[in-house]
PDB file of N, CA and C in Angstrom:
ATOM      1  N   MET A   1       7.317   5.368  -9.698  1.00  0.00           N
ATOM      2  CA  MET A   1       6.092   5.551  -8.941  1.00  0.00           C
ATOM      3  C   MET A   1       6.402   6.355  -7.678  1.00  0.00           C
ATOM      4  N   GLU A   2       5.562   7.311  -7.429  1.00  0.00           N
ATOM      5  CA  GLU A   2       5.726   8.169  -6.264  1.00  0.00           C
ATOM      6  C   GLU A   2       5.312   7.423  -4.997  1.00  0.00           C
ATOM      7  N   LYS A   3       6.127   7.548  -3.955  1.00  0.00           N
ATOM      8  CA  LYS A   3       5.802   6.930  -2.684  1.00  0.00           C
ATOM      9  C   LYS A   3       4.691   7.725  -2.020  1.00  0.00           C
ATOM     10  N   LEU A   4       3.757   7.009  -1.415  1.00  0.00           N
ATOM     11  CA  LEU A   4       2.645   7.663  -0.744  1.00  0.00           C
ATOM     12  C   LEU A   4       3.004   8.020   0.689  1.00  0.00           C
ATOM     13  N   THR A   5       2.366   9.066   1.202  1.00  0.00           N
ATOM     14  CA  THR A   5       2.512   9.409   2.610  1.00  0.00           C
ATOM     15  C   THR A   5       1.732   8.386   3.434  1.00  0.00           C
ATOM     16  N   LYS A   6       1.949   8.375   4.737  1.00  0.00           N
ATOM     17  CA  LYS A   6       1.205   7.453   5.606  1.00  0.00           C
ATOM     18  C   LYS A   6      -0.299   7.689   5.503  1.00  0.00           C
ATOM     19  N   GLN A   7      -0.691   8.948   5.446  1.00  0.00           N
ATOM     20  CA  GLN A   7      -2.102   9.298   5.324  1.00  0.00           C
ATOM     21  C   GLN A   7      -2.673   8.786   3.994  1.00  0.00           C
ATOM     22  N   GLU A   8      -1.909   8.933   2.916  1.00  0.00           N
ATOM     23  CA  GLU A   8      -2.352   8.452   1.607  1.00  0.00           C
ATOM     24  C   GLU A   8      -2.405   6.935   1.576  1.00  0.00           C
ATOM     25  N   GLU A   9      -1.430   6.281   2.193  1.00  0.00           N
ATOM     26  CA  GLU A   9      -1.447   4.816   2.243  1.00  0.00           C
ATOM     27  C   GLU A   9      -2.653   4.303   3.009  1.00  0.00           C
ATOM     28  N   ALA A  10      -2.984   4.961   4.113  1.00  0.00           N
ATOM     29  CA  ALA A  10      -4.162   4.552   4.885  1.00  0.00           C
ATOM     30  C   ALA A  10      -5.431   4.710   4.054  1.00  0.00           C
ATOM     31  N   ALA A  11      -5.503   5.804   3.304  1.00  0.00           N
ATOM     32  CA  ALA A  11      -6.659   6.016   2.428  1.00  0.00           C
ATOM     33  C   ALA A  11      -6.712   4.942   1.340  1.00  0.00           C
ATOM     34  N   MET A  12      -5.563   4.635   0.746  1.00  0.00           N
ATOM     35  CA  MET A  12      -5.529   3.594  -0.297  1.00  0.00           C
ATOM     36  C   MET A  12      -5.929   2.239   0.273  1.00  0.00           C
ATOM     37  N   GLN A  13      -5.507   1.935   1.501  1.00  0.00           N
ATOM     38  CA  GLN A  13      -5.911   0.675   2.131  1.00  0.00           C
ATOM     39  C   GLN A  13      -7.437   0.595   2.210  1.00  0.00           C
ATOM     40  N   ALA A  14      -8.068   1.692   2.595  1.00  0.00           N
ATOM     41  CA  ALA A  14      -9.529   1.727   2.679  1.00  0.00           C
ATOM     42  C   ALA A  14     -10.157   1.581   1.293  1.00  0.00           C
ATOM     43  N   ILE A  15      -9.564   2.215   0.300  1.00  0.00           N
ATOM     44  CA  ILE A  15     -10.086   2.128  -1.069  1.00  0.00           C
ATOM     45  C   ILE A  15      -9.927   0.711  -1.601  1.00  0.00           C
ATOM     46  N   TRP A  16      -8.749   0.105  -1.390  1.00  0.00           N
ATOM     47  CA  TRP A  16      -8.549  -1.276  -1.840  1.00  0.00           C
ATOM     48  C   TRP A  16      -9.517  -2.219  -1.151  1.00  0.00           C
ATOM     49  N   LYS A  17      -9.749  -1.988   0.129  1.00  0.00           N
ATOM     50  CA  LYS A  17     -10.660  -2.848   0.890  1.00  0.00           C
ATOM     51  C   LYS A  17     -12.092  -2.748   0.346  1.00  0.00           C
ATOM     52  N   ALA A  18     -12.511  -1.528   0.036  1.00  0.00           N
ATOM     53  CA  ALA A  18     -13.863  -1.312  -0.471  1.00  0.00           C
ATOM     54  C   ALA A  18     -13.993  -1.675  -1.960  1.00  0.00           C
ATOM     55  N   GLY A  19     -12.887  -1.610  -2.686  1.00  0.00           N
ATOM     56  CA  GLY A  19     -12.928  -1.881  -4.130  1.00  0.00           C
ATOM     57  C   GLY A  19     -13.189  -0.626  -4.918  1.00  0.00           C
ATOM     58  N   LYS A  20     -14.326  -0.015  -4.690  1.00  0.00           N
ATOM     59  CA  LYS A  20     -14.660   1.294  -5.246  1.00  0.00           C
ATOM     60  C   LYS A  20     -15.781   1.843  -4.393  1.00  0.00           C
ATOM     61  N   GLY A  21     -15.974   3.141  -4.475  1.00  0.00           N
ATOM     62  CA  GLY A  21     -17.038   3.737  -3.682  1.00  0.00           C
ATOM     63  C   GLY A  21     -16.853   5.223  -3.501  1.00  0.00           C
ATOM     64  N   PHE A  22     -17.564   5.720  -2.521  1.00  0.00           N
ATOM     65  CA  PHE A  22     -17.587   7.137  -2.219  1.00  0.00           C
ATOM     66  C   PHE A  22     -16.795   7.384  -0.932  1.00  0.00           C
ATOM     67  N   VAL A  23     -16.482   8.643  -0.674  1.00  0.00           N
ATOM     68  CA  VAL A  23     -15.685   8.983   0.507  1.00  0.00           C
ATOM     69  C   VAL A  23     -16.311   8.380   1.764  1.00  0.00           C
ATOM     70  N   LYS A  24     -17.633   8.452   1.896  1.00  0.00           N
ATOM     71  CA  LYS A  24     -18.300   7.908   3.085  1.00  0.00           C
ATOM     72  C   LYS A  24     -18.072   6.399   3.214  1.00  0.00           C
ATOM     73  N   ASP A  25     -17.975   5.695   2.085  1.00  0.00           N
ATOM     74  CA  ASP A  25     -17.694   4.253   2.115  1.00  0.00           C
ATOM     75  C   ASP A  25     -16.289   3.997   2.641  1.00  0.00           C
ATOM     76  N   PHE A  26     -15.359   4.845   2.239  1.00  0.00           N
ATOM     77  CA  PHE A  26     -13.968   4.660   2.650  1.00  0.00           C
ATOM     78  C   PHE A  26     -13.773   5.017   4.118  1.00  0.00           C
ATOM     79  N   LEU A  27     -14.591   5.926   4.630  1.00  0.00           N
ATOM     80  CA  LEU A  27     -14.541   6.224   6.061  1.00  0.00           C
ATOM     81  C   LEU A  27     -14.902   4.976   6.871  1.00  0.00           C
ATOM     82  N   GLU A  28     -15.881   4.217   6.370  1.00  0.00           N
ATOM     83  CA  GLU A  28     -16.337   3.011   7.066  1.00  0.00           C
ATOM     84  C   GLU A  28     -15.273   1.916   7.089  1.00  0.00           C
ATOM     85  N   SER A  29     -14.441   1.853   6.062  1.00  0.00           N
ATOM     86  CA  SER A  29     -13.425   0.801   6.015  1.00  0.00           C
ATOM     87  C   SER A  29     -12.035   1.314   6.381  1.00  0.00           C
ATOM     88  N   HIS A  30     -11.940   2.568   6.794  1.00  0.00           N
ATOM     89  CA  HIS A  30     -10.652   3.178   7.146  1.00  0.00           C
ATOM     90  C   HIS A  30     -10.193   2.673   8.513  1.00  0.00           C
ATOM     91  N   ALA A  31      -8.900   2.435   8.638  1.00  0.00           N
ATOM     92  CA  ALA A  31      -8.322   2.008   9.913  1.00  0.00           C
ATOM     93  C   ALA A  31      -8.330   3.172  10.908  1.00  0.00           C
ATOM     94  N   GLU A  32      -8.305   2.826  12.181  1.00  0.00           N
ATOM     95  CA  GLU A  32      -8.219   3.840  13.237  1.00  0.00           C
ATOM     96  C   GLU A  32      -6.854   4.518  13.199  1.00  0.00           C
ATOM     97  N   PRO A  33      -6.726   5.761  13.495  1.00  0.00           N
ATOM     98  CA  PRO A  33      -7.805   6.710  13.773  1.00  0.00           C
ATOM     99  C   PRO A  33      -8.472   7.168  12.473  1.00  0.00           C
ATOM    100  N   ILE A  34      -9.768   7.222  12.496  1.00  0.00           N
ATOM    101  CA  ILE A  34     -10.529   7.617  11.310  1.00  0.00           C
ATOM    102  C   ILE A  34     -10.455   9.135  11.160  1.00  0.00           C
ATOM    103  N   PRO A  35     -10.009   9.608   9.988  1.00  0.00           N
ATOM    104  CA  PRO A  35      -9.887  11.061   9.791  1.00  0.00           C
ATOM    105  C   PRO A  35     -11.253  11.706   9.566  1.00  0.00           C
ATOM    106  N   PRO A  36     -11.326  13.021   9.722  1.00  0.00           N
ATOM    107  CA  PRO A  36     -12.568  13.726   9.364  1.00  0.00           C
ATOM    108  C   PRO A  36     -12.870  13.537   7.873  1.00  0.00           C
ATOM    109  N   TYR A  37     -14.142  13.619   7.531  1.00  0.00           N
ATOM    110  CA  TYR A  37     -14.592  13.445   6.148  1.00  0.00           C
ATOM    111  C   TYR A  37     -13.804  14.337   5.193  1.00  0.00           C
ATOM    112  N   THR A  38     -13.669  15.617   5.542  1.00  0.00           N
ATOM    113  CA  THR A  38     -13.013  16.562   4.635  1.00  0.00           C
ATOM    114  C   THR A  38     -11.533  16.223   4.439  1.00  0.00           C
ATOM    115  N   THR A  39     -10.891  15.732   5.486  1.00  0.00           N
ATOM    116  CA  THR A  39      -9.476  15.349   5.382  1.00  0.00           C
ATOM    117  C   THR A  39      -9.327  14.168   4.434  1.00  0.00           C
ATOM    118  N   LEU A  40     -10.191  13.163   4.597  1.00  0.00           N
ATOM    119  CA  LEU A  40     -10.126  11.993   3.716  1.00  0.00           C
ATOM    120  C   LEU A  40     -10.458  12.392   2.282  1.00  0.00           C
ATOM    121  N   ALA A  41     -11.449  13.238   2.092  1.00  0.00           N
ATOM    122  CA  ALA A  41     -11.817  13.690   0.739  1.00  0.00           C
ATOM    123  C   ALA A  41     -10.638  14.402   0.077  1.00  0.00           C
ATOM    124  N   SER A  42      -9.949  15.235   0.829  1.00  0.00           N
ATOM    125  CA  SER A  42      -8.783  15.952   0.303  1.00  0.00           C
ATOM    126  C   SER A  42      -7.655  14.981  -0.038  1.00  0.00           C
ATOM    127  N   THR A  43      -7.440  14.003   0.818  1.00  0.00           N
ATOM    128  CA  THR A  43      -6.403  12.997   0.569  1.00  0.00           C
ATOM    129  C   THR A  43      -6.715  12.207  -0.697  1.00  0.00           C
ATOM    130  N   ILE A  44      -7.967  11.845  -0.868  1.00  0.00           N
ATOM    131  CA  ILE A  44      -8.369  11.081  -2.058  1.00  0.00           C
ATOM    132  C   ILE A  44      -8.205  11.934  -3.322  1.00  0.00           C
ATOM    133  N   LYS A  45      -8.501  13.224  -3.234  1.00  0.00           N
ATOM    134  CA  LYS A  45      -8.274  14.116  -4.386  1.00  0.00           C
ATOM    135  C   LYS A  45      -6.792  14.145  -4.754  1.00  0.00           C
ATOM    136  N   ASN A  46      -5.917  14.157  -3.742  1.00  0.00           N
ATOM    137  CA  ASN A  46      -4.472  14.116  -4.000  1.00  0.00           C
ATOM    138  C   ASN A  46      -4.091  12.794  -4.665  1.00  0.00           C
ATOM    139  N   LEU A  47      -4.693  11.708  -4.215  1.00  0.00           N
ATOM    140  CA  LEU A  47      -4.424  10.397  -4.824  1.00  0.00           C
ATOM    141  C   LEU A  47      -4.879  10.372  -6.281  1.00  0.00           C
ATOM    142  N   GLU A  48      -5.977  11.063  -6.560  1.00  0.00           N
ATOM    143  CA  GLU A  48      -6.452  11.161  -7.946  1.00  0.00           C
ATOM    144  C   GLU A  48      -5.442  11.934  -8.788  1.00  0.00           C
ATOM    145  N   LYS A  49      -4.931  13.047  -8.262  1.00  0.00           N
ATOM    146  CA  LYS A  49      -3.937  13.850  -8.988  1.00  0.00           C
ATOM    147  C   LYS A  49      -2.663  13.052  -9.250  1.00  0.00           C
ATOM    148  N   LYS A  50      -2.304  12.181  -8.312  1.00  0.00           N
ATOM    149  CA  LYS A  50      -1.101  11.364  -8.453  1.00  0.00           C
ATOM    150  C   LYS A  50      -1.332  10.133  -9.335  1.00  0.00           C
ATOM    151  N   GLY A  51      -2.600   9.886  -9.701  1.00  0.00           N
ATOM    152  CA  GLY A  51      -2.901   8.777 -10.594  1.00  0.00           C
ATOM    153  C   GLY A  51      -3.164   7.451  -9.908  1.00  0.00           C
ATOM    154  N   PHE A  52      -3.401   7.468  -8.603  1.00  0.00           N
ATOM    155  CA  PHE A  52      -3.654   6.225  -7.879  1.00  0.00           C
ATOM    156  C   PHE A  52      -5.128   5.839  -7.869  1.00  0.00           C
ATOM    157  N   VAL A  53      -6.016   6.814  -8.096  1.00  0.00           N
ATOM    158  CA  VAL A  53      -7.448   6.533  -8.159  1.00  0.00           C
ATOM    159  C   VAL A  53      -8.064   7.278  -9.338  1.00  0.00           C
ATOM    160  N   ASP A  54      -9.154   6.715  -9.839  1.00  0.00           N
ATOM    161  CA  ASP A  54      -9.972   7.360 -10.859  1.00  0.00           C
ATOM    162  C   ASP A  54     -11.231   7.886 -10.187  1.00  0.00           C
ATOM    163  N   ALA A  55     -11.767   8.970 -10.701  1.00  0.00           N
ATOM    164  CA  ALA A  55     -13.002   9.542 -10.174  1.00  0.00           C
ATOM    165  C   ALA A  55     -14.049   9.578 -11.277  1.00  0.00           C
ATOM    166  N   LYS A  56     -15.262   9.205 -10.900  1.00  0.00           N
ATOM    167  CA  LYS A  56     -16.385   9.235 -11.838  1.00  0.00           C
ATOM    168  C   LYS A  56     -17.503  10.025 -11.156  1.00  0.00           C
ATOM    169  N   LYS A  57     -17.906  11.120 -11.768  1.00  0.00           N
ATOM    170  CA  LYS A  57     -18.947  11.959 -11.166  1.00  0.00           C
ATOM    171  C   LYS A  57     -20.314  11.317 -11.350  1.00  0.00           C
ATOM    172  N   ILE A  58     -20.994  11.166 -10.229  1.00  0.00           N
ATOM    173  CA  ILE A  58     -22.357  10.627 -10.231  1.00  0.00           C
ATOM    174  C   ILE A  58     -23.213  11.625  -9.454  1.00  0.00           C
ATOM    175  N   GLY A  59     -24.012  12.379 -10.178  1.00  0.00           N
ATOM    176  CA  GLY A  59     -24.798  13.431  -9.528  1.00  0.00           C
ATOM    177  C   GLY A  59     -23.868  14.499  -8.975  1.00  0.00           C
ATOM    178  N   ASN A  60     -23.963  14.715  -7.669  1.00  0.00           N
ATOM    179  CA  ASN A  60     -23.132  15.732  -7.020  1.00  0.00           C
ATOM    180  C   ASN A  60     -21.911  15.153  -6.311  1.00  0.00           C
ATOM    181  N   VAL A  61     -21.695  13.860  -6.423  1.00  0.00           N
ATOM    182  CA  VAL A  61     -20.581  13.225  -5.713  1.00  0.00           C
ATOM    183  C   VAL A  61     -19.713  12.446  -6.691  1.00  0.00           C
ATOM    184  N   TYR A  62     -18.536  12.071  -6.221  1.00  0.00           N
ATOM    185  CA  TYR A  62     -17.608  11.297  -7.026  1.00  0.00           C
ATOM    186  C   TYR A  62     -17.487   9.880  -6.481  1.00  0.00           C
ATOM    187  N   GLU A  63     -17.469   8.935  -7.408  1.00  0.00           N
ATOM    188  CA  GLU A  63     -17.179   7.547  -7.056  1.00  0.00           C
ATOM    189  C   GLU A  63     -15.726   7.297  -7.457  1.00  0.00           C
ATOM    190  N   TYR A  64     -14.968   6.753  -6.516  1.00  0.00           N
ATOM    191  CA  TYR A  64     -13.546   6.524  -6.733  1.00  0.00           C
ATOM    192  C   TYR A  64     -13.245   5.039  -6.837  1.00  0.00           C
ATOM    193  N   SER A  65     -12.255   4.731  -7.657  1.00  0.00           N
ATOM    194  CA  SER A  65     -11.780   3.349  -7.765  1.00  0.00           C
ATOM    195  C   SER A  65     -10.263   3.385  -7.941  1.00  0.00           C
ATOM    196  N   PRO A  66      -9.582   2.365  -7.422  1.00  0.00           N
ATOM    197  CA  PRO A  66      -8.121   2.351  -7.537  1.00  0.00           C
ATOM    198  C   PRO A  66      -7.681   2.098  -8.975  1.00  0.00           C
ATOM    199  N   THR A  67      -6.576   2.708  -9.364  1.00  0.00           N
ATOM    200  CA  THR A  67      -6.011   2.471 -10.693  1.00  0.00           C
ATOM    201  C   THR A  67      -4.834   1.505 -10.621  1.00  0.00           C
ATOM    202  N   ILE A  68      -4.416   1.185  -9.397  1.00  0.00           N
ATOM    203  CA  ILE A  68      -3.318   0.250  -9.193  1.00  0.00           C
ATOM    204  C   ILE A  68      -3.750  -0.757  -8.128  1.00  0.00           C
ATOM    205  N   ALA A  69      -3.457  -2.016  -8.370  1.00  0.00           N
ATOM    206  CA  ALA A  69      -3.801  -3.061  -7.413  1.00  0.00           C
ATOM    207  C   ALA A  69      -2.872  -2.980  -6.201  1.00  0.00           C
ATOM    208  N   GLU A  70      -3.381  -3.418  -5.074  1.00  0.00           N
ATOM    209  CA  GLU A  70      -2.606  -3.357  -3.834  1.00  0.00           C
ATOM    210  C   GLU A  70      -1.297  -4.137  -3.940  1.00  0.00           C
ATOM    211  N   ASP A  71      -1.355  -5.334  -4.516  1.00  0.00           N
ATOM    212  CA  ASP A  71      -0.133  -6.142  -4.625  1.00  0.00           C
ATOM    213  C   ASP A  71       0.875  -5.518  -5.595  1.00  0.00           C
ATOM    214  N   GLU A  72       0.379  -4.827  -6.615  1.00  0.00           N
ATOM    215  CA  GLU A  72       1.272  -4.143  -7.559  1.00  0.00           C
ATOM    216  C   GLU A  72       1.990  -2.986  -6.863  1.00  0.00           C
ATOM    217  N   TYR A  73       1.250  -2.217  -6.048  1.00  0.00           N
ATOM    218  CA  TYR A  73       1.869  -1.120  -5.302  1.00  0.00           C
ATOM    219  C   TYR A  73       2.899  -1.676  -4.317  1.00  0.00           C
ATOM    220  N   ALA A  74       2.538  -2.739  -3.605  1.00  0.00           N
ATOM    221  CA  ALA A  74       3.460  -3.331  -2.627  1.00  0.00           C
ATOM    222  C   ALA A  74       4.740  -3.794  -3.307  1.00  0.00           C
ATOM    223  N   LYS A  75       4.608  -4.404  -4.477  1.00  0.00           N
ATOM    224  CA  LYS A  75       5.781  -4.890  -5.205  1.00  0.00           C
ATOM    225  C   LYS A  75       6.690  -3.719  -5.604  1.00  0.00           C
ATOM    226  N   LYS A  76       6.106  -2.665  -6.163  1.00  0.00           N
ATOM    227  CA  LYS A  76       6.896  -1.510  -6.581  1.00  0.00           C
ATOM    228  C   LYS A  76       7.520  -0.809  -5.379  1.00  0.00           C
ATOM    229  N   PHE A  77       6.744  -0.709  -4.282  1.00  0.00           N
ATOM    230  CA  PHE A  77       7.260  -0.075  -3.082  1.00  0.00           C
ATOM    231  C   PHE A  77       8.423  -0.875  -2.509  1.00  0.00           C
ATOM    232  N   MET A  78       8.275  -2.194  -2.434  1.00  0.00           N
ATOM    233  CA  MET A  78       9.341  -3.034  -1.875  1.00  0.00           C
ATOM    234  C   MET A  78      10.588  -2.995  -2.754  1.00  0.00           C
ATOM    235  N   ASN A  79      10.405  -3.026  -4.064  1.00  0.00           N
ATOM    236  CA  ASN A  79      11.560  -2.933  -4.966  1.00  0.00           C
ATOM    237  C   ASN A  79      12.317  -1.631  -4.724  1.00  0.00           C
ATOM    238  N   SER A  80      11.582  -0.536  -4.579  1.00  0.00           N
ATOM    239  CA  SER A  80      12.201   0.760  -4.328  1.00  0.00           C
ATOM    240  C   SER A  80      12.873   0.782  -2.956  1.00  0.00           C
ATOM    241  N   PHE A  81      12.217   0.206  -1.967  1.00  0.00           N
ATOM    242  CA  PHE A  81      12.758   0.149  -0.604  1.00  0.00           C
ATOM    243  C   PHE A  81      14.075  -0.624  -0.577  1.00  0.00           C
ATOM    244  N   VAL A  82      14.096  -1.795  -1.209  1.00  0.00           N
ATOM    245  CA  VAL A  82      15.316  -2.612  -1.234  1.00  0.00           C
ATOM    246  C   VAL A  82      16.423  -1.879  -1.986  1.00  0.00           C
ATOM    247  N   LYS A  83      16.063  -1.218  -3.066  1.00  0.00           N
ATOM    248  CA  LYS A  83      17.058  -0.460  -3.836  1.00  0.00           C
ATOM    249  C   LYS A  83      17.644   0.677  -2.993  1.00  0.00           C
ATOM    250  N   ASP A  84      16.785   1.420  -2.304  1.00  0.00           N
ATOM    251  CA  ASP A  84      17.230   2.595  -1.553  1.00  0.00           C
ATOM    252  C   ASP A  84      17.993   2.248  -0.272  1.00  0.00           C
ATOM    253  N   TYR A  85      17.583   1.188   0.422  1.00  0.00           N
ATOM    254  CA  TYR A  85      18.152   0.897   1.733  1.00  0.00           C
ATOM    255  C   TYR A  85      19.106  -0.299   1.767  1.00  0.00           C
ATOM    256  N   PHE A  86      19.047  -1.165   0.761  1.00  0.00           N
ATOM    257  CA  PHE A  86      19.869  -2.376   0.771  1.00  0.00           C
ATOM    258  C   PHE A  86      20.644  -2.564  -0.525  1.00  0.00           C
ATOM    259  N   GLU A  87      20.897  -1.463  -1.224  1.00  0.00           N
ATOM    260  CA  GLU A  87      21.676  -1.470  -2.461  1.00  0.00           C
ATOM    261  C   GLU A  87      21.190  -2.538  -3.447  1.00  0.00           C
ATOM    262  N   ASN A  88      19.883  -2.683  -3.510  1.00  0.00           N
ATOM    263  CA  ASN A  88      19.217  -3.615  -4.429  1.00  0.00           C
ATOM    264  C   ASN A  88      19.545  -5.077  -4.132  1.00  0.00           C
ATOM    265  N   SER A  89      19.898  -5.383  -2.884  1.00  0.00           N
ATOM    266  CA  SER A  89      20.254  -6.741  -2.498  1.00  0.00           C
ATOM    267  C   SER A  89      19.212  -7.320  -1.533  1.00  0.00           C
ATOM    268  N   TYR A  90      18.440  -8.284  -2.032  1.00  0.00           N
ATOM    269  CA  TYR A  90      17.463  -8.951  -1.169  1.00  0.00           C
ATOM    270  C   TYR A  90      18.179  -9.817  -0.128  1.00  0.00           C
ATOM    271  N   LYS A  91      19.371 -10.276  -0.465  1.00  0.00           N
ATOM    272  CA  LYS A  91      20.186 -11.028   0.492  1.00  0.00           C
ATOM    273  C   LYS A  91      20.509 -10.137   1.696  1.00  0.00           C
ATOM    274  N   ASP A  92      20.898  -8.903   1.427  1.00  0.00           N
ATOM    275  CA  ASP A  92      21.189  -7.965   2.515  1.00  0.00           C
ATOM    276  C   ASP A  92      19.938  -7.672   3.342  1.00  0.00           C
ATOM    277  N   LEU A  93      18.795  -7.608   2.690  1.00  0.00           N
ATOM    278  CA  LEU A  93      17.532  -7.398   3.400  1.00  0.00           C
ATOM    279  C   LEU A  93      17.264  -8.541   4.377  1.00  0.00           C
ATOM    280  N   VAL A  94      17.370  -9.771   3.896  1.00  0.00           N
ATOM    281  CA  VAL A  94      17.131 -10.937   4.747  1.00  0.00           C
ATOM    282  C   VAL A  94      18.173 -11.004   5.855  1.00  0.00           C
ATOM    283  N   THR A  95      19.428 -10.707   5.519  1.00  0.00           N
ATOM    284  CA  THR A  95      20.503 -10.702   6.513  1.00  0.00           C
ATOM    285  C   THR A  95      20.213  -9.685   7.613  1.00  0.00           C
ATOM    286  N   PHE A  96      19.718  -8.524   7.231  1.00  0.00           N
ATOM    287  CA  PHE A  96      19.373  -7.488   8.200  1.00  0.00           C
ATOM    288  C   PHE A  96      18.360  -8.016   9.213  1.00  0.00           C
ATOM    289  N   PHE A  97      17.307  -8.654   8.710  1.00  0.00           N
ATOM    290  CA  PHE A  97      16.277  -9.166   9.605  1.00  0.00           C
ATOM    291  C   PHE A  97      16.761 -10.372  10.414  1.00  0.00           C
ATOM    292  N   ALA A  98      17.625 -11.179   9.825  1.00  0.00           N
ATOM    293  CA  ALA A  98      18.173 -12.324  10.549  1.00  0.00           C
ATOM    294  C   ALA A  98      19.060 -11.850  11.704  1.00  0.00           C
ATOM    295  N   LYS A  99      19.902 -10.862  11.446  1.00  0.00           N
ATOM    296  CA  LYS A  99      20.787 -10.328  12.494  1.00  0.00           C
ATOM    297  C   LYS A  99      19.989  -9.671  13.612  1.00  0.00           C
ATOM    298  N   ASP A 100      18.883  -9.059  13.243  1.00  0.00           N
ATOM    299  CA  ASP A 100      18.032  -8.370  14.223  1.00  0.00           C
ATOM    300  C   ASP A 100      17.049  -9.339  14.888  1.00  0.00           C
ATOM    301  N   LYS A 101      17.187 -10.621  14.540  1.00  0.00           N
ATOM    302  CA  LYS A 101      16.353 -11.704  15.090  1.00  0.00           C
ATOM    303  C   LYS A 101      14.862 -11.494  14.825  1.00  0.00           C
ATOM    304  N   LYS A 102      14.569 -10.939  13.659  1.00  0.00           N
ATOM    305  CA  LYS A 102      13.178 -10.765  13.233  1.00  0.00           C
ATOM    306  C   LYS A 102      12.722 -11.943  12.377  1.00  0.00           C
ATOM    307  N   ILE A 103      13.695 -12.748  11.920  1.00  0.00           N
ATOM    308  CA  ILE A 103      13.401 -13.958  11.149  1.00  0.00           C
ATOM    309  C   ILE A 103      14.046 -15.126  11.887  1.00  0.00           C
ATOM    310  N   SER A 104      13.247 -16.129  12.148  1.00  0.00           N
ATOM    311  CA  SER A 104      13.755 -17.301  12.854  1.00  0.00           C
ATOM    312  C   SER A 104      14.401 -18.271  11.858  1.00  0.00           C
ATOM    313  N   PRO A 105      15.200 -19.213  12.361  1.00  0.00           N
ATOM    314  CA  PRO A 105      15.744 -20.240  11.465  1.00  0.00           C
ATOM    315  C   PRO A 105      14.647 -21.003  10.720  1.00  0.00           C
ATOM    316  N   ASP A 106      13.534 -21.261  11.401  1.00  0.00           N
ATOM    317  CA  ASP A 106      12.423 -21.947  10.730  1.00  0.00           C
ATOM    318  C   ASP A 106      11.838 -21.098   9.606  1.00  0.00           C
ATOM    319  N   ASP A 107      11.751 -19.776   9.820  1.00  0.00           N
ATOM    320  CA  ASP A 107      11.283 -18.876   8.766  1.00  0.00           C
ATOM    321  C   ASP A 107      12.226 -18.935   7.562  1.00  0.00           C
ATOM    322  N   LEU A 108      13.531 -18.920   7.830  1.00  0.00           N
ATOM    323  CA  LEU A 108      14.514 -18.976   6.745  1.00  0.00           C
ATOM    324  C   LEU A 108      14.414 -20.291   5.975  1.00  0.00           C
ATOM    325  N   LYS A 109      14.210 -21.394   6.691  1.00  0.00           N
ATOM    326  CA  LYS A 109      14.047 -22.694   6.029  1.00  0.00           C
ATOM    327  C   LYS A 109      12.809 -22.677   5.133  1.00  0.00           C
ATOM    328  N   GLU A 110      11.735 -22.053   5.621  1.00  0.00           N
ATOM    329  CA  GLU A 110      10.499 -21.958   4.835  1.00  0.00           C
ATOM    330  C   GLU A 110      10.722 -21.107   3.585  1.00  0.00           C
ATOM    331  N   ILE A 111      11.473 -20.017   3.723  1.00  0.00           N
ATOM    332  CA  ILE A 111      11.786 -19.163   2.577  1.00  0.00           C
ATOM    333  C   ILE A 111      12.606 -19.942   1.553  1.00  0.00           C
ATOM    334  N   ILE A 112      13.598 -20.686   2.021  1.00  0.00           N
ATOM    335  CA  ILE A 112      14.433 -21.487   1.117  1.00  0.00           C
ATOM    336  C   ILE A 112      13.570 -22.536   0.398  1.00  0.00           C
ATOM    337  N   ARG A 113      12.671 -23.178   1.142  1.00  0.00           N
ATOM    338  CA  ARG A 113      11.782 -24.175   0.545  1.00  0.00           C
ATOM    339  C   ARG A 113      10.920 -23.536  -0.539  1.00  0.00           C
ATOM    340  N   MET A 114      10.383 -22.346  -0.279  1.00  0.00           N
ATOM    341  CA  MET A 114       9.542 -21.659  -1.257  1.00  0.00           C
ATOM    342  C   MET A 114      10.337 -21.308  -2.509  1.00  0.00           C
ATOM    343  N   ILE A 115      11.587 -20.863  -2.316  1.00  0.00           N
ATOM    344  CA  ILE A 115      12.435 -20.508  -3.466  1.00  0.00           C
ATOM    345  C   ILE A 115      12.742 -21.743  -4.301  1.00  0.00           C
ATOM    346  N   GLU A 116      13.079 -22.842  -3.641  1.00  0.00           N
ATOM    347  CA  GLU A 116      13.422 -24.070  -4.354  1.00  0.00           C
ATOM    348  C   GLU A 116      12.225 -24.664  -5.080  1.00  0.00           C
ATOM    349  N   GLU A 117      11.034 -24.522  -4.534  1.00  0.00           N
ATOM    350  CA  GLU A 117       9.826 -25.066  -5.176  1.00  0.00           C
ATOM    351  C   GLU A 117       9.381 -24.242  -6.371  1.00  0.00           C
ATOM    352  N   LYS A 118       9.720 -22.976  -6.378  1.00  0.00           N
ATOM    353  CA  LYS A 118       9.294 -22.098  -7.467  1.00  0.00           C
ATOM    354  C   LYS A 118      10.141 -22.375  -8.670  1.00  0.00           C
TER     355      LYS A 118
END
């Protein structure tokens, strides 16, 4: 799966939030800073070419819907991230955040509890 640019990710966030709709709908649910209509429309066309959204022509406009769920994209992105930056080791990922004090001992205990319960 191709990694999205920040601009494409922001557009996908708006699309996932709306579920499906038109460019004007995605402008309403887009995070700040809100891009110009034409910029967002162009970004969404790129997402369609990459296979992240489907387009359905209704009259003179297109209705877009995501082809991949947000959690599915996050899972694939995180798997790729861990592979590229932590040699496919989730232990190294957690160690990185623990050393940088981004995860507290209580957070680690909660993670261990979740793993043991699963």
